């Protein structure tokens, strides 16, 4: 086995460990975590968006330095207020992907991985668009904290960005179900 194959195997094993730890902390997501773990070994690389049956994405629960507010994007393609995130594009270190996506989509500097553990998992359907058929996103979510300020820059992926109180997201019936779940989890910590 060459060094790069060893490195990939180590990253895969690390992700498996994170998924197992998440399943222990969130027993209601045990089956979902197991499904994510099985996906790691798919012969068609699940870390690349070209795997049209579904692929890994990474998102960030991007909180203010005091942890009271959350930065949300009004997603251009999905037309909903969601957390920042995106495709792994071959990177098997999904925490690094979440941090990179947070930086790229917000323009914020001074973002840090608040906790190396998985914060949330979500499998969701992405509808067909132009030449891309509908497919599953296996989204692995991490807490990222904005310690370098809160002045964001709008990217082409967003219609808008906004800081919202986490408690408001938890109580908002119009919020995406997974957003409410993450907000309640964050408030209960």
N, C-alpha and C. Protein backbone atom coordinates (compact mmCIF):
# COMPACT_ATOMS: atom_id res chain seq x y z
N UNK A 1 0.85 -1.18 0.00
CA UNK A 1 0.00 0.00 0.00
C UNK A 1 0.90 1.24 0.00
N UNK A 2 0.70 2.16 -0.93
CA UNK A 2 1.55 3.35 -0.96
C UNK A 2 1.08 4.37 0.07
N UNK A 3 1.89 5.40 0.28
CA UNK A 3 1.62 6.39 1.32
C UNK A 3 0.26 7.06 1.13
N UNK A 4 -0.08 7.42 -0.10
CA UNK A 4 -1.36 8.10 -0.31
C UNK A 4 -2.53 7.18 0.02
N UNK A 5 -2.43 5.91 -0.33
CA UNK A 5 -3.49 4.96 0.01
C UNK A 5 -3.58 4.79 1.53
N UNK A 6 -2.43 4.78 2.19
CA UNK A 6 -2.42 4.70 3.66
C UNK A 6 -3.06 5.94 4.26
N UNK A 7 -2.78 7.10 3.70
CA UNK A 7 -3.36 8.34 4.20
C UNK A 7 -4.87 8.35 4.02
N UNK A 8 -5.34 7.90 2.85
CA UNK A 8 -6.77 7.84 2.61
C UNK A 8 -7.44 6.87 3.58
N UNK A 9 -6.82 5.73 3.80
CA UNK A 9 -7.37 4.74 4.74
C UNK A 9 -7.44 5.33 6.15
N UNK A 10 -6.41 6.08 6.55
CA UNK A 10 -6.41 6.70 7.87
C UNK A 10 -7.54 7.72 8.00
N UNK A 11 -7.75 8.52 6.95
CA UNK A 11 -8.86 9.49 6.97
C UNK A 11 -10.20 8.78 7.03
N UNK A 12 -10.35 7.70 6.27
CA UNK A 12 -11.60 6.93 6.31
C UNK A 12 -11.83 6.35 7.70
N UNK A 13 -10.78 5.80 8.31
CA UNK A 13 -10.91 5.24 9.66
C UNK A 13 -11.26 6.34 10.67
N UNK A 14 -10.68 7.51 10.50
CA UNK A 14 -10.98 8.63 11.40
C UNK A 14 -12.47 9.00 11.28
N UNK A 15 -12.98 9.09 10.05
CA UNK A 15 -14.39 9.42 9.84
C UNK A 15 -15.29 8.32 10.44
N UNK A 16 -14.93 7.07 10.26
CA UNK A 16 -15.70 5.97 10.87
C UNK A 16 -15.78 6.15 12.39
N UNK A 17 -14.64 6.50 12.99
CA UNK A 17 -14.61 6.72 14.44
C UNK A 17 -15.50 7.89 14.86
N UNK A 18 -15.45 8.97 14.08
CA UNK A 18 -16.33 10.12 14.37
C UNK A 18 -17.80 9.73 14.27
N UNK A 19 -18.13 8.93 13.26
CA UNK A 19 -19.52 8.49 13.08
C UNK A 19 -19.95 7.59 14.23
N UNK A 20 -19.09 6.69 14.67
CA UNK A 20 -19.42 5.81 15.80
C UNK A 20 -19.61 6.62 17.08
N UNK A 21 -18.75 7.60 17.30
CA UNK A 21 -18.88 8.47 18.47
C UNK A 21 -20.20 9.25 18.41
N UNK A 22 -20.53 9.77 17.24
CA UNK A 22 -21.79 10.51 17.08
C UNK A 22 -22.98 9.60 17.39
N UNK A 23 -22.95 8.36 16.88
CA UNK A 23 -24.06 7.43 17.12
C UNK A 23 -24.22 7.14 18.61
N UNK A 24 -23.13 7.07 19.34
CA UNK A 24 -23.21 6.86 20.80
C UNK A 24 -23.85 8.07 21.49
N UNK A 25 -23.50 9.28 21.02
CA UNK A 25 -24.04 10.50 21.63
C UNK A 25 -25.48 10.77 21.21
N UNK A 26 -25.83 10.35 19.99
CA UNK A 26 -27.17 10.62 19.43
C UNK A 26 -27.79 9.29 19.01
N UNK A 27 -28.28 8.48 19.96
CA UNK A 27 -28.79 7.15 19.62
C UNK A 27 -29.92 7.15 18.59
N UNK A 28 -30.68 8.22 18.51
CA UNK A 28 -31.77 8.27 17.52
C UNK A 28 -31.22 8.33 16.09
N UNK A 29 -29.94 8.65 15.93
CA UNK A 29 -29.30 8.71 14.61
C UNK A 29 -28.37 7.52 14.36
N UNK A 30 -28.51 6.47 15.16
CA UNK A 30 -27.64 5.31 15.04
C UNK A 30 -27.68 4.70 13.64
N UNK A 31 -28.88 4.47 13.10
CA UNK A 31 -29.01 3.87 11.77
C UNK A 31 -28.46 4.81 10.70
N UNK A 32 -28.69 6.10 10.85
CA UNK A 32 -28.19 7.08 9.88
C UNK A 32 -26.65 7.10 9.90
N UNK A 33 -26.06 7.10 11.09
CA UNK A 33 -24.61 7.08 11.20
C UNK A 33 -24.04 5.81 10.57
N UNK A 34 -24.72 4.69 10.76
CA UNK A 34 -24.27 3.43 10.16
C UNK A 34 -24.34 3.51 8.63
N UNK A 35 -25.39 4.12 8.10
CA UNK A 35 -25.51 4.29 6.65
C UNK A 35 -24.38 5.16 6.11
N UNK A 36 -24.05 6.25 6.81
CA UNK A 36 -22.93 7.09 6.40
C UNK A 36 -21.64 6.29 6.42
N UNK A 37 -21.46 5.46 7.45
CA UNK A 37 -20.25 4.64 7.56
C UNK A 37 -20.12 3.66 6.42
N UNK A 38 -21.23 3.08 6.01
CA UNK A 38 -21.22 2.14 4.89
C UNK A 38 -20.85 2.84 3.59
N UNK A 39 -21.30 4.08 3.44
CA UNK A 39 -21.03 4.85 2.22
C UNK A 39 -19.53 5.06 2.00
N UNK A 40 -18.77 5.17 3.08
CA UNK A 40 -17.33 5.42 2.97
C UNK A 40 -16.66 4.40 2.05
N UNK A 41 -17.12 3.15 2.11
CA UNK A 41 -16.47 2.06 1.37
C UNK A 41 -17.04 1.82 -0.02
N UNK A 42 -17.93 2.67 -0.48
CA UNK A 42 -18.52 2.47 -1.80
C UNK A 42 -17.42 2.51 -2.87
N UNK A 43 -17.52 1.61 -3.83
CA UNK A 43 -16.49 1.53 -4.88
C UNK A 43 -16.45 2.79 -5.74
N UNK A 44 -17.59 3.47 -5.87
CA UNK A 44 -17.62 4.75 -6.59
C UNK A 44 -17.40 5.83 -5.53
N UNK A 45 -16.36 6.61 -5.63
CA UNK A 45 -15.91 7.53 -4.59
C UNK A 45 -17.04 8.44 -4.09
N UNK A 46 -17.49 8.24 -2.83
CA UNK A 46 -18.59 9.04 -2.29
C UNK A 46 -18.16 10.43 -1.85
N UNK A 47 -16.87 10.74 -1.98
CA UNK A 47 -16.39 12.07 -1.62
C UNK A 47 -16.36 12.99 -2.84
N UNK A 48 -16.81 12.49 -3.98
CA UNK A 48 -16.86 13.27 -5.22
C UNK A 48 -18.29 13.46 -5.67
N UNK A 49 -18.62 14.64 -6.09
CA UNK A 49 -19.99 14.94 -6.49
C UNK A 49 -20.42 14.18 -7.75
N UNK A 50 -19.46 13.62 -8.47
CA UNK A 50 -19.79 12.85 -9.66
C UNK A 50 -20.50 11.53 -9.32
N UNK A 51 -20.47 11.11 -8.07
CA UNK A 51 -21.22 9.92 -7.66
C UNK A 51 -22.68 10.35 -7.54
N UNK A 52 -23.43 10.13 -8.61
CA UNK A 52 -24.78 10.69 -8.72
C UNK A 52 -25.82 10.00 -7.86
N UNK A 53 -25.52 8.83 -7.32
CA UNK A 53 -26.45 8.20 -6.38
C UNK A 53 -26.49 8.98 -5.07
N UNK A 54 -25.44 9.71 -4.79
CA UNK A 54 -25.32 10.50 -3.56
C UNK A 54 -23.88 10.60 -3.17
N UNK A 55 -23.56 11.62 -2.38
CA UNK A 55 -22.17 11.85 -2.01
C UNK A 55 -22.10 12.68 -0.73
N UNK A 56 -20.90 12.66 -0.13
CA UNK A 56 -20.68 13.42 1.10
C UNK A 56 -20.62 14.91 0.82
N UNK A 57 -21.21 15.65 1.74
CA UNK A 57 -21.05 17.10 1.82
C UNK A 57 -20.68 17.41 3.26
N UNK A 58 -20.24 18.62 3.51
CA UNK A 58 -19.91 19.03 4.87
C UNK A 58 -20.47 20.43 5.10
N UNK A 59 -21.02 20.62 6.28
CA UNK A 59 -21.62 21.91 6.63
C UNK A 59 -21.07 22.38 7.96
N UNK A 60 -21.27 23.67 8.19
CA UNK A 60 -20.84 24.21 9.48
C UNK A 60 -22.00 24.88 10.20
N UNK A 61 -22.08 24.57 11.47
CA UNK A 61 -22.96 25.28 12.40
C UNK A 61 -22.11 26.45 12.86
N UNK A 62 -22.18 27.56 12.10
CA UNK A 62 -21.26 28.69 12.27
C UNK A 62 -21.85 29.65 13.30
N UNK A 63 -21.28 29.61 14.51
CA UNK A 63 -21.80 30.43 15.60
C UNK A 63 -20.88 31.62 15.87
N UNK A 64 -21.49 32.64 16.45
CA UNK A 64 -20.75 33.82 16.88
C UNK A 64 -19.80 33.43 18.01
N UNK A 65 -18.86 34.31 18.32
CA UNK A 65 -17.87 34.02 19.36
C UNK A 65 -18.54 33.66 20.68
N UNK A 66 -19.68 34.32 20.99
CA UNK A 66 -20.37 34.03 22.25
C UNK A 66 -21.33 32.84 22.13
N UNK A 67 -21.47 32.27 20.93
CA UNK A 67 -22.32 31.11 20.74
C UNK A 67 -23.82 31.38 20.74
N UNK A 68 -24.22 32.64 20.75
CA UNK A 68 -25.64 32.99 20.84
C UNK A 68 -26.31 33.14 19.47
N UNK A 69 -25.51 33.41 18.44
CA UNK A 69 -26.07 33.64 17.11
C UNK A 69 -25.44 32.70 16.10
N UNK A 70 -26.16 32.51 15.02
CA UNK A 70 -25.79 31.58 13.97
C UNK A 70 -25.82 32.32 12.64
N UNK A 71 -24.79 32.09 11.80
CA UNK A 71 -24.78 32.70 10.47
C UNK A 71 -25.46 31.76 9.50
N UNK A 72 -26.51 32.24 8.86
CA UNK A 72 -27.28 31.46 7.89
C UNK A 72 -27.16 32.07 6.50
N UNK A 73 -27.30 31.21 5.50
CA UNK A 73 -27.32 31.65 4.12
C UNK A 73 -28.72 31.45 3.56
N UNK A 74 -29.19 32.43 2.80
CA UNK A 74 -30.39 32.22 1.99
C UNK A 74 -29.87 31.62 0.69
N UNK A 75 -29.91 30.30 0.63
CA UNK A 75 -29.25 29.53 -0.42
C UNK A 75 -29.86 29.85 -1.79
N UNK A 76 -29.01 30.22 -2.72
CA UNK A 76 -29.46 30.64 -4.05
C UNK A 76 -30.20 29.53 -4.78
N UNK A 77 -29.66 28.31 -4.77
CA UNK A 77 -30.28 27.22 -5.54
C UNK A 77 -31.47 26.60 -4.83
N UNK A 78 -31.39 26.49 -3.50
CA UNK A 78 -32.45 25.81 -2.75
C UNK A 78 -33.53 26.76 -2.24
N UNK A 79 -33.25 28.07 -2.29
CA UNK A 79 -34.22 29.09 -1.90
C UNK A 79 -34.71 28.93 -0.46
N UNK A 80 -33.80 28.56 0.43
CA UNK A 80 -34.14 28.41 1.85
C UNK A 80 -33.00 28.93 2.70
N UNK A 81 -33.31 29.30 3.96
CA UNK A 81 -32.30 29.69 4.93
C UNK A 81 -31.70 28.44 5.53
N UNK A 82 -30.39 28.26 5.36
CA UNK A 82 -29.70 27.05 5.80
C UNK A 82 -28.32 27.40 6.35
N UNK A 83 -27.66 26.38 6.89
CA UNK A 83 -26.28 26.53 7.33
C UNK A 83 -25.38 26.57 6.10
N UNK A 84 -24.18 27.09 6.26
CA UNK A 84 -23.20 27.13 5.18
C UNK A 84 -22.58 25.75 5.00
N UNK A 85 -22.22 25.41 3.77
CA UNK A 85 -21.58 24.13 3.53
C UNK A 85 -21.51 23.83 2.05
N UNK A 86 -20.92 22.67 1.74
CA UNK A 86 -20.80 22.32 0.34
C UNK A 86 -20.18 20.95 0.13
N UNK A 87 -19.84 20.68 -1.12
CA UNK A 87 -19.32 19.38 -1.54
C UNK A 87 -17.91 19.12 -1.02
N UNK A 88 -17.63 17.85 -0.75
CA UNK A 88 -16.29 17.45 -0.31
C UNK A 88 -15.29 17.58 -1.46
N UNK A 89 -15.73 17.35 -2.69
CA UNK A 89 -14.87 17.45 -3.88
C UNK A 89 -13.55 16.69 -3.71
N UNK A 90 -13.68 15.47 -3.20
CA UNK A 90 -12.52 14.59 -3.09
C UNK A 90 -11.79 14.66 -1.76
N UNK A 91 -12.08 15.65 -0.93
CA UNK A 91 -11.41 15.79 0.37
C UNK A 91 -12.13 14.91 1.39
N UNK A 92 -11.40 13.96 1.98
CA UNK A 92 -11.97 13.04 2.94
C UNK A 92 -11.98 13.58 4.37
N UNK A 93 -11.36 14.74 4.60
CA UNK A 93 -11.37 15.39 5.91
C UNK A 93 -12.56 16.36 5.93
N UNK A 94 -13.70 15.86 6.38
CA UNK A 94 -14.93 16.65 6.26
C UNK A 94 -14.97 17.84 7.22
N UNK A 95 -14.26 17.78 8.33
CA UNK A 95 -14.16 18.96 9.19
C UNK A 95 -13.43 20.09 8.46
N UNK A 96 -12.37 19.74 7.75
CA UNK A 96 -11.63 20.73 6.95
C UNK A 96 -12.54 21.31 5.86
N UNK A 97 -13.35 20.44 5.23
CA UNK A 97 -14.28 20.91 4.20
C UNK A 97 -15.27 21.90 4.80
N UNK A 98 -15.82 21.58 5.97
CA UNK A 98 -16.79 22.48 6.61
C UNK A 98 -16.17 23.84 6.91
N UNK A 99 -14.95 23.83 7.42
CA UNK A 99 -14.26 25.08 7.73
C UNK A 99 -14.00 25.88 6.45
N UNK A 100 -13.53 25.21 5.41
CA UNK A 100 -13.26 25.88 4.13
C UNK A 100 -14.54 26.47 3.54
N UNK A 101 -15.63 25.70 3.57
CA UNK A 101 -16.90 26.20 3.04
C UNK A 101 -17.39 27.40 3.83
N UNK A 102 -17.24 27.35 5.15
CA UNK A 102 -17.63 28.49 5.97
C UNK A 102 -16.87 29.75 5.59
N UNK A 103 -15.56 29.60 5.39
CA UNK A 103 -14.73 30.75 5.00
C UNK A 103 -15.12 31.26 3.62
N UNK A 104 -15.26 30.34 2.66
CA UNK A 104 -15.57 30.74 1.29
C UNK A 104 -16.94 31.39 1.17
N UNK A 105 -17.92 30.85 1.86
CA UNK A 105 -19.29 31.33 1.68
C UNK A 105 -19.62 32.55 2.53
N UNK A 106 -18.79 32.84 3.54
CA UNK A 106 -19.08 33.98 4.40
C UNK A 106 -18.07 35.12 4.25
N UNK A 107 -16.88 34.81 3.76
CA UNK A 107 -15.83 35.81 3.71
C UNK A 107 -15.24 36.13 5.08
N UNK A 108 -15.68 35.42 6.11
CA UNK A 108 -15.18 35.66 7.46
C UNK A 108 -13.76 35.12 7.61
N UNK A 109 -12.95 35.84 8.35
CA UNK A 109 -11.63 35.34 8.72
C UNK A 109 -11.68 35.00 10.21
N UNK A 110 -10.74 34.22 10.66
CA UNK A 110 -10.71 33.88 12.07
C UNK A 110 -11.76 32.85 12.46
N UNK A 111 -12.12 31.97 11.52
CA UNK A 111 -13.02 30.87 11.86
C UNK A 111 -12.19 29.72 12.41
N UNK A 112 -12.72 29.04 13.43
CA UNK A 112 -12.02 27.90 14.01
C UNK A 112 -12.99 26.73 14.19
N UNK A 113 -12.45 25.54 14.06
CA UNK A 113 -13.22 24.33 14.36
C UNK A 113 -13.39 24.30 15.87
N UNK A 114 -14.62 24.45 16.33
CA UNK A 114 -14.91 24.56 17.75
C UNK A 114 -14.78 23.21 18.46
N UNK A 115 -15.08 22.14 17.72
CA UNK A 115 -15.07 20.79 18.29
C UNK A 115 -14.81 19.84 17.14
N UNK A 116 -13.86 18.92 17.27
CA UNK A 116 -13.58 17.98 16.18
C UNK A 116 -14.67 16.91 16.01
N UNK A 117 -15.58 16.81 16.97
CA UNK A 117 -16.65 15.81 16.89
C UNK A 117 -17.72 16.26 15.89
N UNK A 118 -18.40 15.29 15.31
CA UNK A 118 -19.55 15.60 14.43
C UNK A 118 -20.66 16.19 15.29
N UNK A 119 -21.23 17.30 14.83
CA UNK A 119 -22.33 17.94 15.53
C UNK A 119 -23.68 17.38 15.08
N UNK A 120 -23.80 17.06 13.79
CA UNK A 120 -25.07 16.58 13.27
C UNK A 120 -24.83 15.86 11.95
N UNK A 121 -25.75 14.95 11.64
CA UNK A 121 -25.77 14.27 10.35
C UNK A 121 -27.13 14.50 9.72
N UNK A 122 -27.15 14.66 8.41
CA UNK A 122 -28.43 14.81 7.72
C UNK A 122 -28.30 14.27 6.30
N UNK A 123 -29.21 13.39 5.94
CA UNK A 123 -29.30 12.88 4.57
C UNK A 123 -30.51 13.57 3.94
N UNK A 124 -30.27 14.33 2.88
CA UNK A 124 -31.39 15.04 2.26
C UNK A 124 -31.30 14.97 0.74
N UNK A 125 -32.45 15.03 0.13
CA UNK A 125 -32.59 14.93 -1.31
C UNK A 125 -32.38 16.29 -1.95
N UNK A 126 -31.57 16.31 -3.00
CA UNK A 126 -31.35 17.52 -3.79
C UNK A 126 -32.07 17.32 -5.12
N UNK A 127 -33.04 18.17 -5.42
CA UNK A 127 -33.81 18.00 -6.66
C UNK A 127 -32.96 18.19 -7.92
N UNK A 128 -33.45 17.61 -9.01
CA UNK A 128 -32.79 17.74 -10.31
C UNK A 128 -32.68 19.21 -10.70
N UNK A 129 -31.52 19.57 -11.27
CA UNK A 129 -31.29 20.92 -11.78
C UNK A 129 -30.52 20.81 -13.08
N UNK A 130 -31.01 21.42 -14.09
CA UNK A 130 -30.35 21.44 -15.40
C UNK A 130 -29.84 20.06 -15.78
N UNK A 131 -28.52 19.89 -15.87
CA UNK A 131 -27.96 18.62 -16.32
C UNK A 131 -27.57 17.69 -15.17
N UNK A 132 -27.94 18.04 -13.93
CA UNK A 132 -27.60 17.21 -12.77
C UNK A 132 -28.88 16.55 -12.25
N UNK A 133 -28.95 15.21 -12.29
CA UNK A 133 -30.14 14.55 -11.78
C UNK A 133 -30.27 14.71 -10.27
N UNK A 134 -31.48 14.49 -9.76
CA UNK A 134 -31.68 14.51 -8.32
C UNK A 134 -30.78 13.48 -7.67
N UNK A 135 -30.33 13.79 -6.44
CA UNK A 135 -29.40 12.89 -5.75
C UNK A 135 -29.42 13.18 -4.25
N UNK A 136 -28.80 12.29 -3.48
CA UNK A 136 -28.72 12.44 -2.04
C UNK A 136 -27.44 13.16 -1.63
N UNK A 137 -27.59 14.04 -0.63
CA UNK A 137 -26.44 14.61 0.06
C UNK A 137 -26.36 13.95 1.43
N UNK A 138 -25.19 13.42 1.73
CA UNK A 138 -24.90 12.85 3.05
C UNK A 138 -24.08 13.91 3.77
N UNK A 139 -24.78 14.77 4.52
CA UNK A 139 -24.17 15.97 5.07
C UNK A 139 -23.65 15.73 6.48
N UNK A 140 -22.36 15.96 6.67
CA UNK A 140 -21.70 15.83 7.96
C UNK A 140 -21.43 17.25 8.45
N UNK A 141 -21.92 17.55 9.67
CA UNK A 141 -21.91 18.93 10.15
C UNK A 141 -21.03 19.09 11.38
N UNK A 142 -20.27 20.20 11.40
CA UNK A 142 -19.34 20.50 12.48
C UNK A 142 -19.60 21.91 13.00
N UNK A 143 -19.28 22.13 14.27
CA UNK A 143 -19.40 23.46 14.86
C UNK A 143 -18.15 24.26 14.51
N UNK A 144 -18.38 25.40 13.90
CA UNK A 144 -17.32 26.36 13.56
C UNK A 144 -17.65 27.66 14.30
N UNK A 145 -16.66 28.25 14.92
CA UNK A 145 -16.89 29.48 15.69
C UNK A 145 -16.18 30.65 15.02
N UNK A 146 -16.89 31.77 14.94
CA UNK A 146 -16.33 33.01 14.38
C UNK A 146 -15.67 33.78 15.51
N UNK A 147 -14.35 33.69 15.59
CA UNK A 147 -13.63 34.39 16.66
C UNK A 147 -12.93 35.65 16.15
N UNK A 148 -12.95 35.86 14.84
CA UNK A 148 -12.24 37.00 14.26
C UNK A 148 -13.14 38.13 13.80
N UNK A 149 -14.39 38.15 14.23
CA UNK A 149 -15.33 39.19 13.82
C UNK A 149 -16.52 38.61 13.09
N UNK A 150 -17.51 39.47 12.82
CA UNK A 150 -18.77 39.00 12.24
C UNK A 150 -19.15 39.70 10.95
N UNK A 151 -18.26 40.47 10.38
CA UNK A 151 -18.57 41.18 9.14
C UNK A 151 -18.37 40.21 7.98
N UNK A 152 -19.47 39.79 7.38
CA UNK A 152 -19.42 38.79 6.30
C UNK A 152 -19.45 39.45 4.94
N UNK A 153 -19.14 38.65 3.93
CA UNK A 153 -19.18 39.08 2.53
C UNK A 153 -20.06 38.09 1.79
N UNK A 154 -21.03 38.59 1.07
CA UNK A 154 -21.95 37.74 0.32
C UNK A 154 -21.23 37.06 -0.85
N UNK A 155 -21.41 35.75 -0.97
CA UNK A 155 -20.82 35.02 -2.11
C UNK A 155 -21.90 34.77 -3.16
N UNK A 156 -21.46 34.26 -4.30
CA UNK A 156 -22.41 33.98 -5.39
C UNK A 156 -23.36 32.84 -5.06
N UNK A 157 -23.05 32.05 -4.02
CA UNK A 157 -23.92 30.92 -3.66
C UNK A 157 -25.11 31.35 -2.83
N UNK A 158 -25.10 32.58 -2.32
CA UNK A 158 -26.14 33.05 -1.42
C UNK A 158 -26.90 34.22 -1.99
N UNK A 159 -28.19 34.25 -1.71
CA UNK A 159 -28.99 35.43 -1.99
C UNK A 159 -28.79 36.45 -0.88
N UNK A 160 -28.53 35.95 0.34
CA UNK A 160 -28.32 36.80 1.49
C UNK A 160 -27.65 35.98 2.58
N UNK A 161 -27.04 36.65 3.53
CA UNK A 161 -26.50 36.05 4.75
C UNK A 161 -27.06 36.85 5.91
N UNK A 162 -27.25 36.18 7.05
CA UNK A 162 -27.75 36.89 8.23
C UNK A 162 -27.37 36.15 9.49
N UNK A 163 -27.02 36.92 10.52
CA UNK A 163 -26.84 36.36 11.85
C UNK A 163 -28.21 36.30 12.51
N UNK A 164 -28.56 35.12 13.04
CA UNK A 164 -29.85 34.97 13.73
C UNK A 164 -29.62 34.34 15.10
N UNK A 165 -30.36 34.77 16.10
CA UNK A 165 -30.25 34.13 17.40
C UNK A 165 -30.60 32.63 17.29
N UNK A 166 -29.79 31.79 17.92
CA UNK A 166 -30.03 30.34 17.85
C UNK A 166 -31.41 30.02 18.41
N UNK A 167 -31.81 30.67 19.50
CA UNK A 167 -33.12 30.40 20.10
C UNK A 167 -34.25 30.72 19.12
N UNK A 168 -34.06 31.73 18.29
CA UNK A 168 -35.07 32.10 17.28
C UNK A 168 -35.20 31.00 16.22
N UNK A 169 -34.07 30.45 15.79
CA UNK A 169 -34.10 29.37 14.80
C UNK A 169 -34.79 28.14 15.38
N UNK A 170 -34.51 27.83 16.65
CA UNK A 170 -35.11 26.67 17.30
C UNK A 170 -36.62 26.77 17.37
N UNK A 171 -37.12 27.99 17.56
CA UNK A 171 -38.55 28.20 17.74
C UNK A 171 -39.30 28.54 16.46
N UNK A 172 -38.59 28.74 15.37
CA UNK A 172 -39.21 29.19 14.12
C UNK A 172 -39.80 28.00 13.35
N UNK A 173 -41.14 27.90 13.26
CA UNK A 173 -41.75 26.77 12.55
C UNK A 173 -41.45 26.78 11.05
N UNK A 174 -41.00 27.92 10.52
CA UNK A 174 -40.66 27.99 9.10
C UNK A 174 -39.23 27.50 8.84
N UNK A 175 -38.45 27.32 9.90
CA UNK A 175 -37.07 26.83 9.74
C UNK A 175 -37.09 25.39 9.26
N UNK A 176 -36.08 25.03 8.49
CA UNK A 176 -35.86 23.66 8.06
C UNK A 176 -35.81 22.76 9.31
N UNK A 177 -36.37 21.56 9.20
CA UNK A 177 -36.42 20.64 10.34
C UNK A 177 -35.03 20.37 10.92
N UNK A 178 -34.04 20.17 10.06
CA UNK A 178 -32.70 19.89 10.57
C UNK A 178 -32.11 21.12 11.25
N UNK A 179 -32.46 22.31 10.79
CA UNK A 179 -31.99 23.54 11.43
C UNK A 179 -32.57 23.64 12.84
N UNK A 180 -33.85 23.32 12.98
CA UNK A 180 -34.47 23.34 14.30
C UNK A 180 -33.81 22.31 15.23
N UNK A 181 -33.55 21.12 14.69
CA UNK A 181 -32.92 20.06 15.48
C UNK A 181 -31.54 20.52 15.99
N UNK A 182 -30.75 21.10 15.08
CA UNK A 182 -29.41 21.55 15.48
C UNK A 182 -29.51 22.69 16.50
N UNK A 183 -30.45 23.60 16.31
CA UNK A 183 -30.61 24.72 17.25
C UNK A 183 -31.00 24.20 18.63
N UNK A 184 -31.91 23.25 18.68
CA UNK A 184 -32.31 22.68 19.99
C UNK A 184 -31.12 21.96 20.63
N UNK A 185 -30.36 21.22 19.83
CA UNK A 185 -29.18 20.53 20.34
C UNK A 185 -28.17 21.53 20.89
N UNK A 186 -27.95 22.62 20.15
CA UNK A 186 -26.98 23.62 20.59
C UNK A 186 -27.43 24.26 21.90
N UNK A 187 -28.71 24.58 22.01
CA UNK A 187 -29.22 25.23 23.22
C UNK A 187 -29.19 24.28 24.43
N UNK A 188 -29.27 22.98 24.19
CA UNK A 188 -29.30 21.99 25.28
C UNK A 188 -27.90 21.59 25.76
N UNK A 189 -26.87 22.03 25.07
CA UNK A 189 -25.52 21.58 25.42
C UNK A 189 -25.07 22.04 26.79
